[in-house]
Amino acid sequence: MLTMIGKRLMFAIPSLIGVVIVTFLLTRALPGDPAAYFAGPAATKEAVEQIRKKLGLDKPLIEQFFRYTNDLAHGDFGNSLTTGQPVAAEIRNRLPASAELTLLGLIVSVVIAIPLGVLAATRPGSWIDHLCRVTTTAGVSLPVFFTGLVLVYVFYFRLGWSPAPLGRLDVFYSAPPTVTGFYLIDTLIARDLEAFRSALSQLILPATTLAIFSLAPIARMTRASMLAVLASEFVRTARASGLSPATVIVTYAFRNAMLPVITTLSMVFSFLLGANVLVEKVFAWPGIGSYAVEALISSDFAPVQGFVLTMAVMYVLLNLVIDILYGVIDPRVRLEG
């Protein structure tokens, strides 16, 4: 297992180097001039050139790249031009908000989608099978921002059941002392149940939006994988041996059907990282997605580069976790590694 993890990490290094190069070149190729943006519409040519020189944008592209990689090697992501704060500090402060939202949405979708897919596979043609198909079709068809707006309109504007979609906490509550950065956990550590309820109520709609988006591929893959395993010879042998249906499904079929589902989970998580940007804008969520969008609008290179690199590192770590889960579920993966 350790050998396999080491190999995966070695393969991840060229990927991260490629992400750094591509992100740097793409941000420079984007339309707009940061110097002209921050100088203002009434600025003279000399003022714009002075700002460009101050930002180092007058240097050759290769020199800018080496300066950027040298800063990265020292853990410096640069400073945001819009806020004036270090990008690393901004990402560190905002990442828990995005991670809490994404993980809760993924957990909700997994809790619903996997049992739904298993029940649909064990009862083909039943009402629950049709429900699974309708749910997966709806989840794939609806854009994530549209789902979020519909939920806000119904549960906040029309019914009044949900709080205003304006951040992680109600305005009447203060943020808990930072321990993990996850408000649901930090409020429990601080034993502030009122703040916990406020944080949970603010999370329900955005997490549900992400869960609806990610539920479809997980349920569909679970159903297809379970159907394939239930039709295999070793399951027929287990049934012929007189084992109970629950033992056959849980002990034999479910575990063997989980490998494709875990692969789908890694893909869904990567999709959620992108969808999270739109959800954060809809619900005014103070995560790194909204931070990157605001920086992109103002042609602020450093936050965009820091955001993409952070997402790439998270995706590499997620794939490493998936490989470890493969080894836990299927010993053959450890032997091949």
C-alpha atoms as a PDB file:
ATOM      1  CA  MET A   1       0.000   0.000   0.000  1.00  0.00           C
ATOM      2  CA  LEU A   2       2.819   2.426   0.866  1.00  0.00           C
ATOM      3  CA  THR A   3       4.522   1.662  -2.445  1.00  0.00           C
ATOM      4  CA  MET A   4       1.310   2.378  -4.313  1.00  0.00           C
ATOM      5  CA  ILE A   5       0.838   5.688  -2.450  1.00  0.00           C
ATOM      6  CA  GLY A   6       4.425   6.697  -3.242  1.00  0.00           C
ATOM      7  CA  LYS A   7       3.926   5.958  -6.943  1.00  0.00           C
ATOM      8  CA  ARG A   8       0.700   7.987  -7.035  1.00  0.00           C
ATOM      9  CA  LEU A   9       2.438  10.952  -5.411  1.00  0.00           C
ATOM     10  CA  MET A  10       5.303  10.769  -7.888  1.00  0.00           C
ATOM     11  CA  PHE A  11       2.845  10.775 -10.797  1.00  0.00           C
ATOM     12  CA  ALA A  12       1.056  13.770  -9.257  1.00  0.00           C
ATOM     13  CA  ILE A  13       4.137  16.025  -9.378  1.00  0.00           C
ATOM     14  CA  PRO A  14       4.179  16.449 -13.209  1.00  0.00           C
ATOM     15  CA  SER A  15       0.439  17.130 -13.108  1.00  0.00           C
ATOM     16  CA  LEU A  16       0.875  19.945 -10.594  1.00  0.00           C
ATOM     17  CA  ILE A  17       3.752  21.421 -12.627  1.00  0.00           C
ATOM     18  CA  GLY A  18       1.520  21.377 -15.706  1.00  0.00           C
ATOM     19  CA  VAL A  19      -1.271  23.097 -13.766  1.00  0.00           C
ATOM     20  CA  VAL A  20       1.106  25.865 -12.684  1.00  0.00           C
ATOM     21  CA  ILE A  21       2.320  26.471 -16.251  1.00  0.00           C
ATOM     22  CA  VAL A  22      -1.120  26.355 -17.889  1.00  0.00           C
ATOM     23  CA  THR A  23      -2.722  28.562 -15.230  1.00  0.00           C
ATOM     24  CA  PHE A  24       0.029  31.151 -15.507  1.00  0.00           C
ATOM     25  CA  LEU A  25      -0.262  31.331 -19.303  1.00  0.00           C
ATOM     26  CA  LEU A  26      -4.067  31.405 -19.323  1.00  0.00           C
ATOM     27  CA  THR A  27      -4.304  34.237 -16.810  1.00  0.00           C
ATOM     28  CA  ARG A  28      -1.920  36.295 -18.961  1.00  0.00           C
ATOM     29  CA  ALA A  29      -3.955  35.492 -22.075  1.00  0.00           C
ATOM     30  CA  LEU A  30      -7.232  36.682 -20.557  1.00  0.00           C
ATOM     31  CA  PRO A  31      -8.659  39.948 -21.938  1.00  0.00           C
ATOM     32  CA  GLY A  32      -8.234  43.024 -19.800  1.00  0.00           C
ATOM     33  CA  ASP A  33      -5.307  44.895 -18.350  1.00  0.00           C
ATOM     34  CA  PRO A  34      -4.951  44.799 -14.544  1.00  0.00           C
ATOM     35  CA  ALA A  35      -2.941  48.013 -14.574  1.00  0.00           C
ATOM     36  CA  ALA A  36      -5.637  49.863 -16.532  1.00  0.00           C
ATOM     37  CA  TYR A  37      -8.357  48.406 -14.298  1.00  0.00           C
ATOM     38  CA  PHE A  38      -6.758  49.611 -11.076  1.00  0.00           C
ATOM     39  CA  ALA A  39      -5.659  52.928 -12.520  1.00  0.00           C
ATOM     40  CA  GLY A  40      -9.278  53.771 -13.320  1.00  0.00           C
ATOM     41  CA  PRO A  41     -10.968  55.044 -16.480  1.00  0.00           C
ATOM     42  CA  ALA A  42      -9.655  58.597 -16.015  1.00  0.00           C
ATOM     43  CA  ALA A  43      -6.002  57.580 -15.626  1.00  0.00           C
ATOM     44  CA  THR A  44      -3.384  58.808 -18.041  1.00  0.00           C
ATOM     45  CA  LYS A  45      -1.125  56.550 -20.075  1.00  0.00           C
ATOM     46  CA  GLU A  46       1.806  57.423 -17.833  1.00  0.00           C
ATOM     47  CA  ALA A  47      -0.160  56.444 -14.707  1.00  0.00           C
ATOM     48  CA  VAL A  48      -1.122  53.103 -16.242  1.00  0.00           C
ATOM     49  CA  GLU A  49       2.480  52.389 -17.209  1.00  0.00           C
ATOM     50  CA  GLN A  50       3.638  53.308 -13.715  1.00  0.00           C
ATOM     51  CA  ILE A  51       1.184  50.841 -12.156  1.00  0.00           C
ATOM     52  CA  ARG A  52       2.173  48.163 -14.677  1.00  0.00           C
ATOM     53  CA  LYS A  53       5.818  48.652 -13.725  1.00  0.00           C
ATOM     54  CA  LYS A  54       4.959  48.506 -10.029  1.00  0.00           C
ATOM     55  CA  LEU A  55       3.111  45.215 -10.542  1.00  0.00           C
ATOM     56  CA  GLY A  56       5.973  43.759 -12.572  1.00  0.00           C
ATOM     57  CA  LEU A  57       3.809  43.341 -15.663  1.00  0.00           C
ATOM     58  CA  ASP A  58       6.313  45.213 -17.814  1.00  0.00           C
ATOM     59  CA  LYS A  59       8.813  42.363 -17.487  1.00  0.00           C
ATOM     60  CA  PRO A  60       9.119  39.615 -20.122  1.00  0.00           C
ATOM     61  CA  LEU A  61       6.704  36.718 -19.670  1.00  0.00           C
ATOM     62  CA  ILE A  62       9.450  34.214 -18.906  1.00  0.00           C
ATOM     63  CA  GLU A  63      10.837  36.477 -16.182  1.00  0.00           C
ATOM     64  CA  GLN A  64       7.357  36.866 -14.664  1.00  0.00           C
ATOM     65  CA  PHE A  65       6.980  33.073 -14.681  1.00  0.00           C
ATOM     66  CA  PHE A  66      10.293  32.406 -12.928  1.00  0.00           C
ATOM     67  CA  ARG A  67       9.474  35.043 -10.335  1.00  0.00           C
ATOM     68  CA  TYR A  68       6.079  33.398  -9.782  1.00  0.00           C
ATOM     69  CA  THR A  69       7.522  29.870  -9.424  1.00  0.00           C
ATOM     70  CA  ASN A  70      10.203  31.155  -7.061  1.00  0.00           C
ATOM     71  CA  ASP A  71       7.499  32.681  -4.866  1.00  0.00           C
ATOM     72  CA  LEU A  72       5.534  29.412  -4.987  1.00  0.00           C
ATOM     73  CA  ALA A  73       8.603  27.481  -3.868  1.00  0.00           C
ATOM     74  CA  HIS A  74       8.665  29.701  -0.764  1.00  0.00           C
ATOM     75  CA  GLY A  75       4.933  29.235  -0.128  1.00  0.00           C
ATOM     76  CA  ASP A  76       4.050  32.705  -1.394  1.00  0.00           C
ATOM     77  CA  PHE A  77       0.995  32.876  -3.665  1.00  0.00           C
ATOM     78  CA  GLY A  78       1.366  36.629  -4.061  1.00  0.00           C
ATOM     79  CA  ASN A  79      -0.923  39.432  -2.925  1.00  0.00           C
ATOM     80  CA  SER A  80      -4.419  40.189  -4.150  1.00  0.00           C
ATOM     81  CA  LEU A  81      -4.590  43.521  -5.923  1.00  0.00           C
ATOM     82  CA  THR A  82      -8.235  44.059  -4.958  1.00  0.00           C
ATOM     83  CA  THR A  83      -7.927  43.374  -1.226  1.00  0.00           C
ATOM     84  CA  GLY A  84      -4.208  43.961  -0.694  1.00  0.00           C
ATOM     85  CA  GLN A  85      -4.039  40.777   1.405  1.00  0.00           C
ATOM     86  CA  PRO A  86      -1.801  37.727   0.824  1.00  0.00           C
ATOM     87  CA  VAL A  87      -3.588  35.189  -1.371  1.00  0.00           C
ATOM     88  CA  ALA A  88      -2.433  32.274   0.807  1.00  0.00           C
ATOM     89  CA  ALA A  89      -4.064  33.850   3.869  1.00  0.00           C
ATOM     90  CA  GLU A  90      -7.286  34.585   1.964  1.00  0.00           C
ATOM     91  CA  ILE A  91      -7.499  30.998   0.675  1.00  0.00           C
ATOM     92  CA  ARG A  92      -6.710  29.605   4.116  1.00  0.00           C
ATOM     93  CA  ASN A  93      -9.536  31.652   5.636  1.00  0.00           C
ATOM     94  CA  ARG A  94     -12.070  30.872   2.900  1.00  0.00           C
ATOM     95  CA  LEU A  95     -11.252  27.229   2.139  1.00  0.00           C
ATOM     96  CA  PRO A  96     -13.083  25.788   5.199  1.00  0.00           C
ATOM     97  CA  ALA A  97     -16.315  27.462   4.063  1.00  0.00           C
ATOM     98  CA  SER A  98     -16.070  25.876   0.609  1.00  0.00           C
ATOM     99  CA  ALA A  99     -14.969  22.513   2.008  1.00  0.00           C
ATOM    100  CA  GLU A 100     -17.804  22.412   4.544  1.00  0.00           C
ATOM    101  CA  LEU A 101     -20.386  23.169   1.870  1.00  0.00           C
ATOM    102  CA  THR A 102     -18.958  20.719  -0.687  1.00  0.00           C
ATOM    103  CA  LEU A 103     -18.492  17.848   1.762  1.00  0.00           C
ATOM    104  CA  LEU A 104     -21.961  18.240   3.254  1.00  0.00           C
ATOM    105  CA  GLY A 105     -23.513  18.283  -0.221  1.00  0.00           C
ATOM    106  CA  LEU A 106     -21.547  15.157  -1.177  1.00  0.00           C
ATOM    107  CA  ILE A 107     -22.470  13.356   2.053  1.00  0.00           C
ATOM    108  CA  VAL A 108     -26.174  14.121   1.575  1.00  0.00           C
ATOM    109  CA  SER A 109     -26.082  12.888  -2.016  1.00  0.00           C
ATOM    110  CA  VAL A 110     -24.236   9.683  -1.057  1.00  0.00           C
ATOM    111  CA  VAL A 111     -26.656   8.927   1.791  1.00  0.00           C
ATOM    112  CA  ILE A 112     -29.586   9.225  -0.643  1.00  0.00           C
ATOM    113  CA  ALA A 113     -28.104   8.000  -3.933  1.00  0.00           C
ATOM    114  CA  ILE A 114     -26.420   4.729  -2.882  1.00  0.00           C
ATOM    115  CA  PRO A 115     -29.464   3.214  -1.097  1.00  0.00           C
ATOM    116  CA  LEU A 116     -31.671   4.463  -3.935  1.00  0.00           C
ATOM    117  CA  GLY A 117     -29.424   2.811  -6.541  1.00  0.00           C
ATOM    118  CA  VAL A 118     -29.253  -0.462  -4.576  1.00  0.00           C
ATOM    119  CA  LEU A 119     -33.024  -0.624  -4.113  1.00  0.00           C
ATOM    120  CA  ALA A 120     -33.588   0.193  -7.799  1.00  0.00           C
ATOM    121  CA  ALA A 121     -31.216  -2.598  -8.856  1.00  0.00           C
ATOM    122  CA  THR A 122     -32.757  -5.189  -6.549  1.00  0.00           C
ATOM    123  CA  ARG A 123     -36.293  -4.248  -7.630  1.00  0.00           C
ATOM    124  CA  PRO A 124     -36.061  -3.610 -11.407  1.00  0.00           C
ATOM    125  CA  GLY A 125     -39.234  -2.288 -12.952  1.00  0.00           C
ATOM    126  CA  SER A 126     -40.746  -1.278  -9.602  1.00  0.00           C
ATOM    127  CA  TRP A 127     -41.856   2.213  -8.578  1.00  0.00           C
ATOM    128  CA  ILE A 128     -38.562   2.838  -6.805  1.00  0.00           C
ATOM    129  CA  ASP A 129     -36.693   1.935  -9.996  1.00  0.00           C
ATOM    130  CA  HIS A 130     -38.755   4.490 -11.909  1.00  0.00           C
ATOM    131  CA  LEU A 131     -38.187   7.026  -9.112  1.00  0.00           C
ATOM    132  CA  CYS A 132     -34.428   6.483  -9.436  1.00  0.00           C
ATOM    133  CA  ARG A 133     -34.569   7.086 -13.188  1.00  0.00           C
ATOM    134  CA  VAL A 134     -36.683  10.234 -12.835  1.00  0.00           C
ATOM    135  CA  THR A 135     -34.420  11.584 -10.075  1.00  0.00           C
ATOM    136  CA  THR A 136     -31.225  10.984 -12.018  1.00  0.00           C
ATOM    137  CA  THR A 137     -32.673  12.553 -15.169  1.00  0.00           C
ATOM    138  CA  ALA A 138     -33.840  15.636 -13.273  1.00  0.00           C
ATOM    139  CA  GLY A 139     -30.526  15.982 -11.459  1.00  0.00           C
ATOM    140  CA  VAL A 140     -28.548  15.903 -14.705  1.00  0.00           C
ATOM    141  CA  SER A 141     -30.927  18.200 -16.594  1.00  0.00           C
ATOM    142  CA  LEU A 142     -31.165  21.087 -14.101  1.00  0.00           C
ATOM    143  CA  PRO A 143     -28.260  23.564 -14.021  1.00  0.00           C
ATOM    144  CA  VAL A 144     -26.918  23.962 -10.505  1.00  0.00           C
ATOM    145  CA  PHE A 145     -27.462  27.732 -10.362  1.00  0.00           C
ATOM    146  CA  PHE A 146     -31.077  27.303 -11.545  1.00  0.00           C
ATOM    147  CA  THR A 147     -31.725  24.713  -8.822  1.00  0.00           C
ATOM    148  CA  GLY A 148     -30.298  27.074  -6.216  1.00  0.00           C
ATOM    149  CA  LEU A 149     -32.445  29.982  -7.376  1.00  0.00           C
ATOM    150  CA  VAL A 150     -35.585  27.800  -7.375  1.00  0.00           C
ATOM    151  CA  LEU A 151     -34.877  26.598  -3.834  1.00  0.00           C
ATOM    152  CA  VAL A 152     -34.313  30.171  -2.653  1.00  0.00           C
ATOM    153  CA  TYR A 153     -37.533  31.334  -4.308  1.00  0.00           C
ATOM    154  CA  VAL A 154     -39.648  28.509  -2.841  1.00  0.00           C
ATOM    155  CA  PHE A 155     -38.229  28.041   0.660  1.00  0.00           C
ATOM    156  CA  TYR A 156     -37.098  31.584   1.455  1.00  0.00           C
ATOM    157  CA  PHE A 157     -39.232  33.969  -0.596  1.00  0.00           C
ATOM    158  CA  ARG A 158     -42.522  32.047  -0.792  1.00  0.00           C
ATOM    159  CA  LEU A 159     -42.632  29.834   2.296  1.00  0.00           C
ATOM    160  CA  GLY A 160     -40.233  31.674   4.602  1.00  0.00           C
ATOM    161  CA  TRP A 161     -38.838  28.415   5.999  1.00  0.00           C
ATOM    162  CA  SER A 162     -35.209  29.189   5.184  1.00  0.00           C
ATOM    163  CA  PRO A 163     -33.086  32.144   6.346  1.00  0.00           C
ATOM    164  CA  ALA A 164     -31.846  34.755   3.912  1.00  0.00           C
ATOM    165  CA  PRO A 165     -29.126  33.321   1.615  1.00  0.00           C
ATOM    166  CA  LEU A 166     -26.467  35.702   2.888  1.00  0.00           C
ATOM    167  CA  GLY A 167     -23.462  33.791   4.119  1.00  0.00           C
ATOM    168  CA  ARG A 168     -22.611  31.184   6.723  1.00  0.00           C
ATOM    169  CA  LEU A 169     -24.336  32.697   9.784  1.00  0.00           C
ATOM    170  CA  ASP A 170     -27.294  34.884  10.548  1.00  0.00           C
ATOM    171  CA  VAL A 171     -26.362  38.522  11.157  1.00  0.00           C
ATOM    172  CA  PHE A 172     -27.416  38.205  14.812  1.00  0.00           C
ATOM    173  CA  TYR A 173     -24.758  35.575  15.583  1.00  0.00           C
ATOM    174  CA  SER A 174     -20.999  35.921  15.712  1.00  0.00           C
ATOM    175  CA  ALA A 175     -18.573  33.394  14.263  1.00  0.00           C
ATOM    176  CA  PRO A 176     -17.301  30.753  16.729  1.00  0.00           C
ATOM    177  CA  PRO A 177     -13.620  30.593  17.733  1.00  0.00           C
ATOM    178  CA  THR A 178     -11.744  28.993  14.853  1.00  0.00           C
ATOM    179  CA  VAL A 179     -10.641  25.427  15.541  1.00  0.00           C
ATOM    180  CA  THR A 180     -11.380  23.537  12.319  1.00  0.00           C
ATOM    181  CA  GLY A 181     -12.910  26.366  10.276  1.00  0.00           C
ATOM    182  CA  PHE A 182     -16.098  24.294   9.900  1.00  0.00           C
ATOM    183  CA  TYR A 183     -18.849  26.236  11.639  1.00  0.00           C
ATOM    184  CA  LEU A 184     -20.904  23.110  12.393  1.00  0.00           C
ATOM    185  CA  ILE A 185     -17.970  21.615  14.280  1.00  0.00           C
ATOM    186  CA  ASP A 186     -16.624  24.820  15.846  1.00  0.00           C
ATOM    187  CA  THR A 187     -20.024  25.839  17.224  1.00  0.00           C
ATOM    188  CA  LEU A 188     -20.380  22.414  18.859  1.00  0.00           C
ATOM    189  CA  ILE A 189     -16.886  22.708  20.327  1.00  0.00           C
ATOM    190  CA  ALA A 190     -17.833  26.143  21.695  1.00  0.00           C
ATOM    191  CA  ARG A 191     -21.158  24.638  22.941  1.00  0.00           C
ATOM    192  CA  ASP A 192     -23.088  27.375  21.197  1.00  0.00           C
ATOM    193  CA  LEU A 193     -26.228  25.530  20.094  1.00  0.00           C
ATOM    194  CA  GLU A 194     -27.957  28.654  18.813  1.00  0.00           C
ATOM    195  CA  ALA A 195     -25.051  29.423  16.495  1.00  0.00           C
ATOM    196  CA  PHE A 196     -24.984  25.748  15.455  1.00  0.00           C
ATOM    197  CA  ARG A 197     -28.647  25.890  14.455  1.00  0.00           C
ATOM    198  CA  SER A 198     -28.006  29.107  12.548  1.00  0.00           C
ATOM    199  CA  ALA A 199     -25.014  27.626  10.704  1.00  0.00           C
ATOM    200  CA  LEU A 200     -26.982  24.471   9.870  1.00  0.00           C
ATOM    201  CA  SER A 201     -29.984  26.427   8.603  1.00  0.00           C
ATOM    202  CA  GLN A 202     -27.724  28.517   6.357  1.00  0.00           C
ATOM    203  CA  LEU A 203     -26.124  25.335   4.977  1.00  0.00           C
ATOM    204  CA  ILE A 204     -29.308  23.430   4.146  1.00  0.00           C
ATOM    205  CA  LEU A 205     -30.257  25.108   0.857  1.00  0.00           C
ATOM    206  CA  PRO A 206     -26.767  25.365  -0.728  1.00  0.00           C
ATOM    207  CA  ALA A 207     -25.889  21.828   0.376  1.00  0.00           C
ATOM    208  CA  THR A 208     -29.199  20.559  -1.038  1.00  0.00           C
ATOM    209  CA  THR A 209     -28.430  22.318  -4.318  1.00  0.00           C
ATOM    210  CA  LEU A 210     -25.091  20.526  -4.593  1.00  0.00           C
ATOM    211  CA  ALA A 211     -26.656  17.231  -3.465  1.00  0.00           C
ATOM    212  CA  ILE A 212     -29.289  17.355  -6.225  1.00  0.00           C
ATOM    213  CA  PHE A 213     -26.534  18.066  -8.739  1.00  0.00           C
ATOM    214  CA  SER A 214     -24.329  15.164  -7.595  1.00  0.00           C
ATOM    215  CA  LEU A 215     -27.060  12.650  -6.747  1.00  0.00           C
ATOM    216  CA  ALA A 216     -27.780  11.679 -10.353  1.00  0.00           C
ATOM    217  CA  PRO A 217     -24.429  10.158 -11.425  1.00  0.00           C
ATOM    218  CA  ILE A 218     -23.926   8.357  -8.090  1.00  0.00           C
ATOM    219  CA  ALA A 219     -27.387   6.761  -8.115  1.00  0.00           C
ATOM    220  CA  ARG A 220     -27.104   5.824 -11.787  1.00  0.00           C
ATOM    221  CA  MET A 221     -23.687   4.215 -11.362  1.00  0.00           C
ATOM    222  CA  THR A 222     -24.775   2.367  -8.206  1.00  0.00           C
ATOM    223  CA  ARG A 223     -27.804   0.934 -10.002  1.00  0.00           C
ATOM    224  CA  ALA A 224     -25.822  -0.112 -13.088  1.00  0.00           C
ATOM    225  CA  SER A 225     -22.983  -1.630 -11.060  1.00  0.00           C
ATOM    226  CA  MET A 226     -25.347  -3.536  -8.773  1.00  0.00           C
ATOM    227  CA  LEU A 227     -27.274  -4.929 -11.763  1.00  0.00           C
ATOM    228  CA  ALA A 228     -24.025  -6.156 -13.327  1.00  0.00           C
ATOM    229  CA  VAL A 229     -22.849  -7.809 -10.102  1.00  0.00           C
ATOM    230  CA  LEU A 230     -26.233  -9.380  -9.332  1.00  0.00           C
ATOM    231  CA  ALA A 231     -26.142 -11.050 -12.754  1.00  0.00           C
ATOM    232  CA  SER A 232     -22.659 -12.528 -12.193  1.00  0.00           C
ATOM    233  CA  GLU A 233     -21.927 -16.200 -11.576  1.00  0.00           C
ATOM    234  CA  PHE A 234     -20.624 -15.919  -8.017  1.00  0.00           C
ATOM    235  CA  VAL A 235     -23.872 -14.213  -6.913  1.00  0.00           C
ATOM    236  CA  ARG A 236     -25.905 -16.989  -8.536  1.00  0.00           C
ATOM    237  CA  THR A 237     -23.722 -19.517  -6.723  1.00  0.00           C
ATOM    238  CA  ALA A 238     -24.251 -17.727  -3.414  1.00  0.00           C
ATOM    239  CA  ARG A 239     -28.009 -17.792  -3.938  1.00  0.00           C
ATOM    240  CA  ALA A 240     -27.928 -21.472  -4.927  1.00  0.00           C
ATOM    241  CA  SER A 241     -26.042 -22.226  -1.721  1.00  0.00           C
ATOM    242  CA  GLY A 242     -29.079 -21.139   0.269  1.00  0.00           C
ATOM    243  CA  LEU A 243     -27.762 -17.829   1.582  1.00  0.00           C
ATOM    244  CA  SER A 244     -30.350 -15.236   2.522  1.00  0.00           C
ATOM    245  CA  PRO A 245     -31.045 -12.406   0.038  1.00  0.00           C
ATOM    246  CA  ALA A 246     -29.746  -9.815   2.523  1.00  0.00           C
ATOM    247  CA  THR A 247     -26.437 -11.707   2.897  1.00  0.00           C
ATOM    248  CA  VAL A 248     -26.048 -12.046  -0.860  1.00  0.00           C
ATOM    249  CA  ILE A 249     -26.739  -8.351  -1.503  1.00  0.00           C
ATOM    250  CA  VAL A 250     -24.775  -6.845   1.402  1.00  0.00           C
ATOM    251  CA  THR A 251     -21.837  -9.250   1.746  1.00  0.00           C
ATOM    252  CA  TYR A 252     -21.235 -10.294  -1.856  1.00  0.00           C
ATOM    253  CA  ALA A 253     -22.895  -7.938  -4.325  1.00  0.00           C
ATOM    254  CA  PHE A 254     -22.616  -4.561  -2.627  1.00  0.00           C
ATOM    255  CA  ARG A 255     -18.890  -4.699  -1.882  1.00  0.00           C
ATOM    256  CA  ASN A 256     -17.993  -5.775  -5.407  1.00  0.00           C
ATOM    257  CA  ALA A 257     -20.235  -3.100  -6.887  1.00  0.00           C
ATOM    258  CA  MET A 258     -18.574  -0.299  -4.919  1.00  0.00           C
ATOM    259  CA  LEU A 259     -15.390   0.066  -6.991  1.00  0.00           C
ATOM    260  CA  PRO A 260     -17.079   1.836  -9.945  1.00  0.00           C
ATOM    261  CA  VAL A 261     -19.139   3.882  -7.482  1.00  0.00           C
ATOM    262  CA  ILE A 262     -15.997   5.099  -5.712  1.00  0.00           C
ATOM    263  CA  THR A 263     -14.529   6.097  -9.067  1.00  0.00           C
ATOM    264  CA  THR A 264     -17.713   8.042  -9.754  1.00  0.00           C
ATOM    265  CA  LEU A 265     -17.430   9.727  -6.353  1.00  0.00           C
ATOM    266  CA  SER A 266     -14.009  11.115  -7.255  1.00  0.00           C
ATOM    267  CA  MET A 267     -15.384  12.491 -10.522  1.00  0.00           C
ATOM    268  CA  VAL A 268     -18.455  13.929  -8.787  1.00  0.00           C
ATOM    269  CA  PHE A 269     -16.288  15.652  -6.205  1.00  0.00           C
ATOM    270  CA  SER A 270     -14.297  17.323  -8.962  1.00  0.00           C
ATOM    271  CA  PHE A 271     -17.571  18.445 -10.582  1.00  0.00           C
ATOM    272  CA  LEU A 272     -18.725  19.820  -7.235  1.00  0.00           C
ATOM    273  CA  LEU A 273     -15.583  21.921  -6.942  1.00  0.00           C
ATOM    274  CA  GLY A 274     -16.599  23.651 -10.164  1.00  0.00           C
ATOM    275  CA  ALA A 275     -20.313  23.832  -9.335  1.00  0.00           C
ATOM    276  CA  ASN A 276     -19.416  25.233  -5.928  1.00  0.00           C
ATOM    277  CA  VAL A 277     -18.367  28.502  -7.592  1.00  0.00           C
ATOM    278  CA  LEU A 278     -21.902  29.099  -8.905  1.00  0.00           C
ATOM    279  CA  VAL A 279     -23.570  28.012  -5.677  1.00  0.00           C
ATOM    280  CA  GLU A 280     -21.402  30.364  -3.645  1.00  0.00           C
ATOM    281  CA  LYS A 281     -22.418  33.293  -5.834  1.00  0.00           C
ATOM    282  CA  VAL A 282     -26.128  32.408  -5.571  1.00  0.00           C
ATOM    283  CA  PHE A 283     -26.042  32.086  -1.766  1.00  0.00           C
ATOM    284  CA  ALA A 284     -23.397  34.793  -1.076  1.00  0.00           C
ATOM    285  CA  TRP A 285     -21.211  32.087   0.450  1.00  0.00           C
ATOM    286  CA  PRO A 286     -17.766  33.416   1.485  1.00  0.00           C
ATOM    287  CA  GLY A 287     -15.728  30.592  -0.050  1.00  0.00           C
ATOM    288  CA  ILE A 288     -12.786  30.456  -2.411  1.00  0.00           C
ATOM    289  CA  GLY A 289     -15.068  30.057  -5.427  1.00  0.00           C
ATOM    290  CA  SER A 290     -16.681  33.474  -5.056  1.00  0.00           C
ATOM    291  CA  TYR A 291     -13.238  34.873  -4.201  1.00  0.00           C
ATOM    292  CA  ALA A 292     -11.831  33.551  -7.496  1.00  0.00           C
ATOM    293  CA  VAL A 293     -14.783  34.873  -9.527  1.00  0.00           C
ATOM    294  CA  GLU A 294     -14.392  38.370  -8.071  1.00  0.00           C
ATOM    295  CA  ALA A 295     -10.666  38.259  -8.808  1.00  0.00           C
ATOM    296  CA  LEU A 296     -11.294  37.062 -12.360  1.00  0.00           C
ATOM    297  CA  ILE A 297     -13.693  39.942 -13.040  1.00  0.00           C
ATOM    298  CA  SER A 298     -11.073  42.455 -11.918  1.00  0.00           C
ATOM    299  CA  SER A 299      -8.207  40.693 -13.805  1.00  0.00           C
ATOM    300  CA  ASP A 300      -6.479  39.955 -10.509  1.00  0.00           C
ATOM    301  CA  PHE A 301      -4.054  37.169 -11.464  1.00  0.00           C
ATOM    302  CA  ALA A 302      -2.748  35.992  -8.104  1.00  0.00           C
ATOM    303  CA  PRO A 303      -6.056  34.839  -6.519  1.00  0.00           C
ATOM    304  CA  VAL A 304      -7.082  33.021  -9.716  1.00  0.00           C
ATOM    305  CA  GLN A 305      -3.754  31.187  -9.871  1.00  0.00           C
ATOM    306  CA  GLY A 306      -3.943  30.360  -6.164  1.00  0.00           C
ATOM    307  CA  PHE A 307      -7.496  29.068  -6.554  1.00  0.00           C
ATOM    308  CA  VAL A 308      -6.658  26.778  -9.488  1.00  0.00           C
ATOM    309  CA  LEU A 309      -3.547  25.430  -7.784  1.00  0.00           C
ATOM    310  CA  THR A 310      -5.483  24.769  -4.571  1.00  0.00           C
ATOM    311  CA  MET A 311      -8.171  22.899  -6.529  1.00  0.00           C
ATOM    312  CA  ALA A 312      -5.487  20.838  -8.282  1.00  0.00           C
ATOM    313  CA  VAL A 313      -3.856  19.853  -4.972  1.00  0.00           C
ATOM    314  CA  MET A 314      -7.247  18.909  -3.528  1.00  0.00           C
ATOM    315  CA  TYR A 315      -8.023  16.793  -6.576  1.00  0.00           C
ATOM    316  CA  VAL A 316      -4.666  14.989  -6.311  1.00  0.00           C
ATOM    317  CA  LEU A 317      -5.262  14.279  -2.616  1.00  0.00           C
ATOM    318  CA  LEU A 318      -8.775  13.056  -3.398  1.00  0.00           C
ATOM    319  CA  ASN A 319      -7.448  10.611  -5.996  1.00  0.00           C
ATOM    320  CA  LEU A 320      -4.948   9.372  -3.430  1.00  0.00           C
ATOM    321  CA  VAL A 321      -7.772   8.732  -0.955  1.00  0.00           C
ATOM    322  CA  ILE A 322      -9.714   6.907  -3.679  1.00  0.00           C
ATOM    323  CA  ASP A 323      -6.696   4.686  -4.397  1.00  0.00           C
ATOM    324  CA  ILE A 324      -6.436   3.855  -0.696  1.00  0.00           C
ATOM    325  CA  LEU A 325     -10.142   2.971  -0.587  1.00  0.00           C
ATOM    326  CA  TYR A 326      -9.606   0.730  -3.604  1.00  0.00           C
ATOM    327  CA  GLY A 327      -6.959  -1.158  -1.667  1.00  0.00           C
ATOM    328  CA  VAL A 328      -9.225  -1.490   1.375  1.00  0.00           C
ATOM    329  CA  ILE A 329     -12.171  -2.821  -0.658  1.00  0.00           C
ATOM    330  CA  ASP A 330     -10.254  -4.972  -3.161  1.00  0.00           C
ATOM    331  CA  PRO A 331      -6.976  -6.603  -1.947  1.00  0.00           C
ATOM    332  CA  ARG A 332      -5.967  -7.241  -5.590  1.00  0.00           C
ATOM    333  CA  VAL A 333      -5.308  -3.506  -5.965  1.00  0.00           C
ATOM    334  CA  ARG A 334      -2.731  -3.649  -3.149  1.00  0.00           C
ATOM    335  CA  LEU A 335      -1.006  -6.618  -4.806  1.00  0.00           C
ATOM    336  CA  GLU A 336      -0.913  -4.884  -8.187  1.00  0.00           C
ATOM    337  CA  GLY A 337       0.424  -1.718  -6.533  1.00  0.00           C
END
